[in-house]
Amino acid sequence: MSQNPLSELTQQLINFFVIWPENGDIPRYERYGDLIRYHNENLIQSGDLSIASSKFNWQCFTQRQGLQLRRQTEQMLPDEQSVQQLLDHSKQWIFPLLNVNMLRKERYALRFQRAPIISHVLHSILIDGDDYGKHKKSTAIGVPTLCLTLNTGNTKELHKFRATQLFHIVRRMLDYANWRLVAPEQKTDDTLLVSIESNNQPRCLANDQPDKMNVRVLCGPVLEPIKKTGATLTSDSYMALRSNDMLLIAMHRHGLRDCARDKDIEGLLQRLGHATVIVDLFEVRHASGATVVRNGSGSSKGASYILYNSARLETLLRTFAAQVDAGAYEPLPPLDKIDLSLLEDELDWQMLYGYLLTFPNLVESTLSQLKHGQCAVHLIVRYIVDLASLFSRYYRSKQILVQKRSNLMPTLYARIYLVKAVRQVLNSALALLGIQPVDYM
């Protein structure tokens, strides 16, 4: 199975409807628009994914790719027989379908058999760890090479600090991709040259010939919240400002005495301040202007919310380990001994299918337009916020650390493995942004 199973699954789905040329490579297509949508919300109503039902949508796709449809009916699945053919065909896929039904006039809802996906996700994440979703690097001839450079000045200026952070984020994201990074002195004629620049760098002259192997990734300005003029804060002063905001949040949550008594509070607040600045700067597209936050008036689901749920994950697993050491619970059995069917209810499934399975595809998709000077870092931020929000809802809805009763322990163990997988993926996503998780808050 590939590092990105959703990409492989999409190809298998398209193969059912499309005839590829007998001679020639299968084209790689990144954006399917309304043709195929993978869902992570409202899975009961919308299905795990949905596809366009009309021949018109599929014809637009095949014509762009120089392909042919296998059937010429107005509806892609016109009757029960065609639906059954799709279900039978999916038995050869990496993840077979469970059922197909008409979602509304324009779309079909497809649902997968859950057990194979749950097993794949948990085993892949817990075995691969930090390498989950990463391509295996190769030095073989034919592997594309990329040279990443930073063209900026004094990083004390906030907009240049933003460009510098974008450089580091893109570099970390490329570690997941099939690109092989090379130094400037190692580049060849086939090397893609990507330069990260703040938007005040001089642009190419109008009569310059564009070079598709030279790409400029522009980082937008950092603005004041009301006047929308360029921010005058330095990166250090803004970091201090946001660290103080985190202190006020901690005082509100835990009380002044608890914060003052904490020996590690200064280091924690520095990490929180850095995380908050990164979220502030990259929750919008990198080419757009980012707005500084004054008086702690930022989003209620910013870095503090993310790291609070990160700490909640750590606390939960630490408490479980302490209970095992105290003899309250038996040690966690091997994953192969766990009844994973206990994770098939809707919240478990949304977490596993909607977020953990899709993480490798998310990272790959953020880089899909890098050749055109775009890197969708804001999608990583949005993913982290949404995953933290879903886990918060999961934590409130499920009693994970239950009393030691024989009928409850299988569910507890299954959920502990799920929590471990969520922690791993959340930490990996945070690491892409250069944010350290926290053990407590």
Protein backbone atom coordinates (compact mmCIF):
# COMPACT_ATOMS: atom_id res chain seq x y z
CA MET A 1 0.00 0.00 0.00
CA SER A 2 1.26 3.48 -0.85
CA GLN A 3 2.15 6.19 1.68
CA ASN A 4 -1.00 8.01 0.54
CA PRO A 5 -3.82 5.43 0.43
CA LEU A 6 -6.45 8.02 -0.52
CA SER A 7 -4.57 8.74 -3.73
CA GLU A 8 -4.43 5.03 -4.54
CA LEU A 9 -8.08 4.61 -3.63
CA THR A 10 -9.11 7.51 -5.86
CA GLN A 11 -7.26 5.92 -8.77
CA GLN A 12 -9.06 2.62 -8.20
CA LEU A 13 -12.43 4.37 -8.09
CA ILE A 14 -11.77 6.26 -11.33
CA ASN A 15 -10.65 3.04 -13.03
CA PHE A 16 -14.19 1.70 -12.66
CA PHE A 17 -15.64 4.54 -14.74
CA VAL A 18 -12.79 5.44 -17.10
CA ILE A 19 -10.85 3.71 -19.89
CA TRP A 20 -7.16 4.57 -19.87
CA PRO A 21 -5.12 4.58 -23.09
CA GLU A 22 -3.52 1.23 -23.90
CA ASN A 23 -0.18 2.85 -24.65
CA GLY A 24 1.03 5.67 -22.48
CA ASP A 25 1.37 6.64 -18.85
CA ILE A 26 -1.65 7.16 -16.63
CA PRO A 27 -1.81 10.92 -16.00
CA ARG A 28 -1.52 12.13 -12.43
CA TYR A 29 -4.40 14.41 -11.55
CA GLU A 30 -4.48 16.41 -8.32
CA ARG A 31 -7.77 18.29 -8.27
CA TYR A 32 -11.09 16.56 -8.80
CA GLY A 33 -13.38 19.36 -7.67
CA ASP A 34 -16.99 18.19 -7.55
CA LEU A 35 -16.14 14.89 -9.21
CA ILE A 36 -14.94 13.17 -6.02
CA ARG A 37 -15.24 14.52 -2.49
CA TYR A 38 -13.87 12.85 0.63
CA HIS A 39 -15.85 13.91 3.69
CA ASN A 40 -14.81 14.40 7.31
CA GLU A 41 -18.06 15.87 8.66
CA ASN A 42 -21.68 14.64 8.57
CA LEU A 43 -20.59 11.19 7.46
CA ILE A 44 -23.96 9.64 8.29
CA GLN A 45 -25.77 11.95 5.90
CA SER A 46 -23.08 12.58 3.27
CA GLY A 47 -21.30 9.22 3.17
CA ASP A 48 -17.58 8.64 3.56
CA LEU A 49 -17.15 10.11 0.10
CA SER A 50 -19.46 11.22 -2.66
CA ILE A 51 -19.11 11.28 -6.43
CA ALA A 52 -20.87 13.18 -9.19
CA SER A 53 -23.73 11.14 -10.64
CA SER A 54 -24.05 12.92 -13.99
CA LYS A 55 -22.17 11.88 -17.12
CA PHE A 56 -21.56 15.58 -17.82
CA ASN A 57 -19.16 16.00 -14.87
CA TRP A 58 -17.23 12.89 -15.80
CA GLN A 59 -17.03 13.89 -19.45
CA CYS A 60 -15.44 17.20 -18.48
CA PHE A 61 -12.78 15.27 -16.57
CA THR A 62 -12.11 12.69 -19.29
CA GLN A 63 -11.92 15.29 -22.05
CA ARG A 64 -9.30 17.27 -20.13
CA GLN A 65 -7.27 14.10 -19.62
CA GLY A 66 -7.78 12.60 -23.08
CA LEU A 67 -9.67 9.58 -21.70
CA GLN A 68 -12.95 7.78 -22.37
CA LEU A 69 -15.90 6.81 -20.19
CA ARG A 70 -16.77 3.12 -19.92
CA ARG A 71 -20.51 3.82 -20.08
CA GLN A 72 -22.48 6.49 -21.90
CA THR A 73 -25.64 6.57 -19.77
CA GLU A 74 -26.78 9.93 -18.41
CA GLN A 75 -26.31 8.63 -14.86
CA MET A 76 -23.06 6.91 -13.96
CA LEU A 77 -24.87 4.27 -11.87
CA PRO A 78 -28.27 4.08 -13.56
CA ASP A 79 -29.61 0.92 -11.89
CA GLU A 80 -29.11 -1.64 -9.13
CA GLN A 81 -27.02 -3.82 -11.41
CA SER A 82 -24.45 -1.08 -11.99
CA VAL A 83 -24.33 -0.36 -8.26
CA GLN A 84 -23.67 -4.04 -7.56
CA GLN A 85 -20.94 -4.04 -10.21
CA LEU A 86 -19.23 -1.18 -8.39
CA LEU A 87 -19.50 -2.99 -5.06
CA ASP A 88 -18.07 -6.17 -6.60
CA HIS A 89 -15.28 -4.21 -8.30
CA SER A 90 -14.37 -2.55 -4.99
CA LYS A 91 -13.56 -5.93 -3.44
CA GLN A 92 -10.21 -5.61 -5.23
CA TRP A 93 -9.55 -2.13 -3.83
CA ILE A 94 -7.33 -1.40 -0.87
CA PHE A 95 -10.53 -0.54 1.05
CA PRO A 96 -13.75 -2.18 -0.23
CA LEU A 97 -17.13 -0.44 -0.27
CA LEU A 98 -20.03 -1.36 1.99
CA ASN A 99 -22.87 0.36 0.15
CA VAL A 100 -23.79 3.02 -2.39
CA ASN A 101 -26.91 5.15 -2.46
CA MET A 102 -28.22 8.30 -4.13
CA LEU A 103 -27.34 11.24 -1.91
CA ARG A 104 -29.38 13.67 -3.94
CA LYS A 105 -30.04 14.14 -7.62
CA GLU A 106 -26.48 15.13 -8.49
CA ARG A 107 -24.42 12.82 -6.26
CA TYR A 108 -23.93 9.28 -4.98
CA ALA A 109 -22.87 8.59 -1.39
CA LEU A 110 -20.31 5.80 -0.94
CA ARG A 111 -19.52 4.14 2.38
CA PHE A 112 -16.59 1.87 3.14
CA GLN A 113 -16.33 -1.27 5.18
CA ARG A 114 -14.89 0.13 8.37
CA ALA A 115 -12.81 -2.72 9.76
CA PRO A 116 -10.06 -2.69 7.05
CA ILE A 117 -9.59 1.08 7.34
CA ILE A 118 -9.50 1.08 11.14
CA SER A 119 -6.90 -1.69 11.17
CA HIS A 120 -4.77 0.00 8.51
CA VAL A 121 -4.84 3.42 10.17
CA LEU A 122 -3.91 2.25 13.66
CA HIS A 123 -1.22 -0.18 12.52
CA SER A 124 0.32 2.33 10.10
CA ILE A 125 0.44 5.20 12.60
CA LEU A 126 1.62 3.21 15.60
CA ILE A 127 4.24 1.26 13.65
CA ASP A 128 5.54 4.08 11.44
CA GLY A 129 5.38 6.77 14.14
CA ASP A 130 6.95 10.00 12.89
CA ASP A 131 7.34 8.43 9.42
CA TYR A 132 3.60 7.95 8.92
CA GLY A 133 2.74 9.16 5.43
CA LYS A 134 6.33 9.88 4.39
CA HIS A 135 7.65 8.77 1.01
CA LYS A 136 10.70 6.56 1.12
CA LYS A 137 13.57 8.68 -0.12
CA SER A 138 15.61 7.48 -3.06
CA THR A 139 18.76 8.70 -4.77
CA ALA A 140 17.91 6.82 -7.96
CA ILE A 141 18.01 8.57 -11.31
CA GLY A 142 14.62 10.02 -12.17
CA VAL A 143 13.64 11.08 -8.66
CA PRO A 144 12.86 14.82 -8.95
CA THR A 145 15.24 17.18 -7.17
CA LEU A 146 14.41 20.50 -5.58
CA CYS A 147 16.59 23.32 -4.28
CA LEU A 148 14.89 25.48 -1.64
CA THR A 149 16.32 28.90 -0.81
CA LEU A 150 15.34 31.83 1.39
CA ASN A 151 15.63 35.37 0.06
CA THR A 152 14.99 37.73 2.95
CA GLY A 153 16.83 40.02 5.30
CA ASN A 154 16.59 40.84 9.00
CA THR A 155 14.19 38.36 10.59
CA LYS A 156 13.50 40.81 13.42
CA GLU A 157 11.04 42.48 11.06
CA LEU A 158 7.78 40.61 11.45
CA HIS A 159 7.01 40.13 7.75
CA LYS A 160 10.51 38.75 7.16
CA PHE A 161 10.19 36.53 10.21
CA ARG A 162 7.02 35.18 8.60
CA ALA A 163 8.90 34.41 5.37
CA THR A 164 11.66 32.67 7.33
CA GLN A 165 9.12 30.51 9.14
CA LEU A 166 7.47 29.67 5.81
CA PHE A 167 10.85 28.50 4.51
CA HIS A 168 11.28 26.14 7.47
CA ILE A 169 7.71 24.84 7.19
CA VAL A 170 8.04 24.11 3.46
CA ARG A 171 11.35 22.38 4.09
CA ARG A 172 9.77 20.13 6.72
CA MET A 173 6.80 19.38 4.47
CA LEU A 174 9.11 18.38 1.62
CA ASP A 175 10.45 15.66 3.89
CA TYR A 176 7.09 13.92 3.36
CA ALA A 177 7.12 14.28 -0.41
CA ASN A 178 8.81 12.47 -3.25
CA TRP A 179 11.18 15.40 -3.87
CA ARG A 180 14.86 15.00 -3.07
CA LEU A 181 16.27 18.22 -1.60
CA VAL A 182 19.66 19.28 -2.93
CA ALA A 183 22.01 22.13 -2.08
CA PRO A 184 22.47 24.98 -4.61
CA GLU A 185 25.84 23.59 -5.69
CA GLN A 186 24.23 20.18 -6.41
CA LYS A 187 21.44 21.42 -8.68
CA THR A 188 21.12 20.29 -12.28
CA ASP A 189 19.14 21.56 -15.26
CA ASP A 190 16.21 19.42 -14.09
CA THR A 191 16.23 20.74 -10.51
CA LEU A 192 13.22 22.81 -9.47
CA LEU A 193 14.49 26.01 -7.84
CA VAL A 194 12.09 27.35 -5.20
CA SER A 195 12.81 30.69 -3.54
CA ILE A 196 10.86 31.83 -0.47
CA GLU A 197 10.60 35.62 -0.44
CA SER A 198 8.76 38.33 1.46
CA ASN A 199 6.47 40.32 -0.80
CA ASN A 200 8.61 43.47 -0.68
CA GLN A 201 11.37 41.83 -2.72
CA PRO A 202 11.76 43.25 -6.26
CA ARG A 203 9.74 41.39 -8.87
CA CYS A 204 10.99 40.19 -12.24
CA LEU A 205 10.75 42.71 -15.04
CA ALA A 206 7.76 42.39 -17.35
CA ASN A 207 9.91 41.44 -20.32
CA ASP A 208 11.71 38.67 -18.43
CA GLN A 209 10.97 35.23 -19.82
CA PRO A 210 9.33 33.03 -17.17
CA ASP A 211 11.27 29.90 -16.27
CA LYS A 212 9.10 27.02 -15.11
CA MET A 213 12.06 25.58 -13.19
CA ASN A 214 12.41 28.79 -11.12
CA VAL A 215 9.56 29.40 -8.69
CA ARG A 216 9.06 32.32 -6.31
CA VAL A 217 6.90 31.61 -3.27
CA LEU A 218 5.81 35.00 -1.94
CA CYS A 219 4.98 35.59 1.70
CA GLY A 220 2.45 38.36 2.35
CA PRO A 221 2.73 41.28 4.79
CA VAL A 222 1.88 41.34 8.49
CA LEU A 223 -0.71 44.03 9.24
CA GLU A 224 -2.14 45.96 12.16
CA PRO A 225 -5.71 44.85 12.99
CA ILE A 226 -7.62 48.13 12.47
CA LYS A 227 -5.73 50.35 10.04
CA LYS A 228 -4.33 47.40 8.05
CA THR A 229 -0.98 49.13 7.79
CA GLY A 230 2.30 47.25 8.08
CA ALA A 231 2.95 46.00 11.61
CA THR A 232 5.76 47.84 13.38
CA LEU A 233 6.30 45.15 16.02
CA THR A 234 9.50 43.13 15.84
CA SER A 235 9.26 39.36 15.95
CA ASP A 236 10.65 39.33 19.51
CA SER A 237 8.19 41.93 20.79
CA TYR A 238 5.23 40.17 19.16
CA MET A 239 6.36 36.86 20.64
CA ALA A 240 6.51 38.50 24.08
CA LEU A 241 3.07 40.04 23.58
CA ARG A 242 1.49 36.70 22.67
CA SER A 243 3.32 34.91 25.50
CA ASN A 244 1.75 37.38 27.90
CA ASP A 245 -1.66 36.64 26.38
CA MET A 246 -1.05 32.96 27.13
CA LEU A 247 -0.12 33.83 30.73
CA LEU A 248 -3.42 35.68 31.15
CA ILE A 249 -5.30 32.66 29.78
CA ALA A 250 -3.42 30.36 32.18
CA MET A 251 -4.17 32.66 35.13
CA HIS A 252 -7.83 32.71 34.17
CA ARG A 253 -7.93 28.93 33.90
CA HIS A 254 -5.77 27.91 36.87
CA GLY A 255 -5.46 30.98 39.06
CA LEU A 256 -2.54 33.33 39.70
CA ARG A 257 -1.05 31.32 42.56
CA ASP A 258 -0.89 28.08 40.59
CA CYS A 259 0.84 29.86 37.69
CA ALA A 260 3.31 31.62 39.96
CA ARG A 261 4.13 28.37 41.79
CA ASP A 262 4.89 26.50 38.56
CA LYS A 263 8.68 26.38 38.13
CA ASP A 264 8.41 25.63 34.40
CA ILE A 265 5.86 28.32 33.60
CA GLU A 266 8.37 30.61 31.85
CA GLY A 267 9.55 27.94 29.42
CA LEU A 268 5.99 26.79 28.82
CA LEU A 269 4.82 30.32 28.08
CA GLN A 270 7.66 30.82 25.60
CA ARG A 271 6.58 27.70 23.74
CA LEU A 272 2.96 28.80 23.85
CA GLY A 273 3.91 32.26 22.63
CA HIS A 274 5.85 30.83 19.70
CA ALA A 275 2.98 28.49 18.82
CA THR A 276 0.48 31.34 18.98
CA VAL A 277 2.56 33.53 16.66
CA ILE A 278 2.87 30.70 14.11
CA VAL A 279 -0.89 30.14 14.12
CA ASP A 280 -1.51 33.90 13.80
CA LEU A 281 0.80 34.15 10.79
CA PHE A 282 -0.31 31.05 8.90
CA GLU A 283 -4.02 30.59 9.56
CA VAL A 284 -4.46 32.52 6.30
CA ARG A 285 -2.83 31.80 2.94
CA HIS A 286 0.87 32.63 2.97
CA ALA A 287 0.51 35.13 0.12
CA SER A 288 -2.26 37.00 1.97
CA GLY A 289 -1.73 39.55 4.70
CA ALA A 290 -1.67 38.17 8.24
CA THR A 291 -3.08 40.34 11.03
CA VAL A 292 -1.39 40.72 14.40
CA VAL A 293 -3.53 40.12 17.47
CA ARG A 294 -3.78 42.94 19.99
CA ASN A 295 -5.28 42.65 23.49
CA GLY A 296 -5.62 38.89 23.19
CA SER A 297 -8.56 39.26 20.81
CA GLY A 298 -7.66 36.36 18.52
CA SER A 299 -9.65 33.25 17.70
CA SER A 300 -10.91 31.21 20.64
CA LYS A 301 -9.64 28.13 18.82
CA GLY A 302 -6.07 29.24 18.28
CA ALA A 303 -2.82 27.87 19.66
CA SER A 304 -4.04 27.83 23.27
CA TYR A 305 -7.00 25.63 22.33
CA ILE A 306 -4.80 23.33 20.22
CA LEU A 307 -2.16 22.86 22.90
CA TYR A 308 -4.73 22.48 25.66
CA ASN A 309 -6.02 19.42 23.82
CA SER A 310 -2.45 18.28 23.18
CA ALA A 311 -1.88 18.41 26.94
CA ARG A 312 -5.17 16.60 27.49
CA LEU A 313 -3.95 13.72 25.31
CA GLU A 314 -0.69 13.51 27.24
CA THR A 315 -2.45 13.67 30.60
CA LEU A 316 -4.88 10.93 29.63
CA LEU A 317 -2.11 8.56 28.51
CA ARG A 318 0.04 9.45 31.53
CA THR A 319 -2.88 8.69 33.85
CA PHE A 320 -3.47 5.34 32.13
CA ALA A 321 0.21 4.41 32.53
CA ALA A 322 0.10 5.37 36.22
CA GLN A 323 -2.99 3.22 36.72
CA VAL A 324 -1.20 0.28 35.10
CA ASP A 325 1.81 0.80 37.39
CA ALA A 326 -0.53 0.93 40.38
CA GLY A 327 -2.20 -2.32 39.36
CA ALA A 328 -5.58 -0.72 38.66
CA TYR A 329 -5.39 -1.82 35.01
CA GLU A 330 -3.65 -4.68 33.28
CA PRO A 331 -0.91 -3.63 30.82
CA LEU A 332 -2.07 -2.67 27.34
CA PRO A 333 -2.30 -5.81 25.17
CA PRO A 334 -0.63 -5.89 21.73
CA LEU A 335 -2.61 -4.14 19.01
CA ASP A 336 -3.24 -7.44 17.20
CA LYS A 337 -5.14 -8.65 20.28
CA ILE A 338 -7.49 -5.64 20.34
CA ASP A 339 -11.11 -5.88 19.17
CA LEU A 340 -11.10 -2.98 16.72
CA SER A 341 -14.80 -3.41 15.97
CA LEU A 342 -15.31 -1.46 19.21
CA LEU A 343 -14.11 1.64 17.33
CA GLU A 344 -16.80 1.58 14.66
CA ASP A 345 -19.25 4.06 16.19
CA GLU A 346 -19.62 7.46 14.54
CA LEU A 347 -17.21 9.59 16.59
CA ASP A 348 -14.48 6.94 16.49
CA TRP A 349 -15.01 6.54 12.75
CA GLN A 350 -14.93 10.28 12.08
CA MET A 351 -11.61 10.55 13.91
CA LEU A 352 -10.06 7.55 12.18
CA TYR A 353 -11.40 8.01 8.67
CA GLY A 354 -11.97 11.76 8.49
CA TYR A 355 -8.67 12.85 10.04
CA LEU A 356 -6.07 10.17 10.78
CA LEU A 357 -6.39 8.38 7.43
CA THR A 358 -6.33 11.64 5.50
CA PHE A 359 -3.18 13.15 7.06
CA PRO A 360 -0.74 11.88 4.38
CA ASN A 361 -3.06 13.13 1.63
CA LEU A 362 -3.33 16.50 3.37
CA VAL A 363 0.44 17.00 3.42
CA GLU A 364 0.74 15.91 -0.20
CA SER A 365 -2.05 18.24 -1.28
CA THR A 366 -0.45 21.25 0.41
CA LEU A 367 2.53 20.83 -1.91
CA SER A 368 0.57 20.07 -5.08
CA GLN A 369 0.82 23.67 -6.33
CA LEU A 370 4.39 24.35 -5.21
CA LYS A 371 5.51 24.47 -8.85
CA HIS A 372 3.16 27.43 -9.23
CA GLY A 373 4.45 29.29 -6.17
CA GLN A 374 1.76 28.17 -3.73
CA CYS A 375 1.97 26.06 -0.58
CA ALA A 376 -1.25 25.59 1.38
CA VAL A 377 0.18 25.85 4.90
CA HIS A 378 -3.14 27.28 6.10
CA LEU A 379 -4.71 23.87 5.45
CA ILE A 380 -2.32 22.33 7.99
CA VAL A 381 -3.39 24.92 10.58
CA ARG A 382 -7.06 24.30 9.82
CA TYR A 383 -6.54 20.53 10.06
CA ILE A 384 -4.88 20.84 13.47
CA VAL A 385 -7.66 23.07 14.82
CA ASP A 386 -10.35 20.72 13.49
CA LEU A 387 -8.62 17.61 14.86
CA ALA A 388 -8.21 19.24 18.28
CA SER A 389 -11.86 20.27 18.21
CA LEU A 390 -13.02 16.76 17.31
CA PHE A 391 -10.88 15.18 20.01
CA SER A 392 -12.29 17.67 22.54
CA ARG A 393 -15.79 16.56 21.57
CA TYR A 394 -14.70 12.91 21.73
CA TYR A 395 -13.18 13.39 25.20
CA ARG A 396 -16.39 14.95 26.50
CA SER A 397 -18.59 12.26 24.95
CA LYS A 398 -16.61 9.14 25.86
CA GLN A 399 -15.58 7.94 29.28
CA ILE A 400 -12.19 6.53 28.34
CA LEU A 401 -10.63 5.59 31.69
CA VAL A 402 -13.48 3.48 33.03
CA GLN A 403 -13.57 1.29 36.12
CA LYS A 404 -11.78 -2.03 35.89
CA ARG A 405 -14.54 -4.39 34.83
CA SER A 406 -14.06 -7.30 32.48
CA ASN A 407 -16.82 -6.14 30.13
CA LEU A 408 -15.38 -2.60 29.88
CA MET A 409 -11.67 -3.32 29.43
CA PRO A 410 -11.76 -4.26 25.71
CA THR A 411 -13.31 -0.86 24.90
CA LEU A 412 -10.82 0.96 27.14
CA TYR A 413 -7.85 -0.70 25.44
CA ALA A 414 -9.21 0.02 21.96
CA ARG A 415 -9.72 3.68 22.84
CA ILE A 416 -6.25 3.98 24.35
CA TYR A 417 -4.79 2.86 21.02
CA LEU A 418 -6.96 5.41 19.24
CA VAL A 419 -5.77 8.15 21.62
CA LYS A 420 -2.16 7.12 20.96
CA ALA A 421 -2.76 7.42 17.22
CA VAL A 422 -4.40 10.83 17.60
CA ARG A 423 -1.46 12.06 19.68
CA GLN A 424 1.03 10.84 17.07
CA VAL A 425 -0.71 12.51 14.13
CA LEU A 426 -1.38 15.73 16.05
CA ASN A 427 2.27 15.91 17.10
CA SER A 428 3.40 15.24 13.52
CA ALA A 429 1.15 18.02 12.22
CA LEU A 430 2.40 20.43 14.90
CA ALA A 431 6.00 19.50 14.06
CA LEU A 432 5.42 20.58 10.45
CA LEU A 433 4.72 24.07 11.78
CA GLY A 434 7.66 23.97 14.19
CA ILE A 435 5.35 23.81 17.23
CA GLN A 436 6.29 21.64 20.20
CA PRO A 437 3.47 19.76 21.96
CA VAL A 438 3.03 20.27 25.68
CA ASP A 439 2.66 17.78 28.52
CA TYR A 440 0.36 19.94 30.61
CA MET A 441 -1.40 23.31 30.67
